[in-house]
Amino acid sequence: MPALFMLGAAAAVLAPAPGASAEKLRAWPAMRHEGAAYAVATDRKNRIISCVPLDPATDATKVKAACAALAARGVPTAITPALAKGSSEEWFPSADYPAASIPEHKSGSVTIVYEIDERGVATDCMVQHSSGIAKLDVAACAAMLKRARFTPASFQGKPVHAAAIATFAYDSE
């Protein structure tokens, strides 16, 4: 299995999720703890603030302890994160979203997890936390896979795969 990375993101009618930063999106290495791989999100000082198991079947009781251990360990210094090319708003034009599927005056969010290959292309998207609207969840992954591009992450100067997390807030108003 290739090395994986993670990213915090935002987007579109869909707007950046609350608390999302306008800075370039970054992807960090998937980190291993007791044989399981986790995508990690960092704050501006590169401190790990959240993590998600890359295998959805990972026991939930192990996830909390693993995330605490990973946060204590921190991000390796030999890693250069993947960086978004362009603005996330360009990746998610409103025409891509099934506006008719979003009930009037409804808001919410969808969180997706996807990979970034050695060329900086987003691949293999899955929904981590559903918006509750299946068509919106599918549209978020489809837009990411179609348009998102990154400068690849690297480990000791060599491009590596990445895994990323993106949360998209939507508002039908």
Foldseek 3Di string as FASTA:
>chain_A
DWWAWEWEAEDDLWTGDPPDDQDWIWIATFDDDPHWTWYFYADPVQQTDDIDTPDPPPDPVVRVVRSVVDSVVGGDPQKDIWTWDDGRHVLQDVVLAPLVQADAQDKFKWKKKWKQALQFATHDIDTPGDRPRVRRNVSVVVSRNVDIGINAMDGNPGGTMYMYMYMIMRGSD
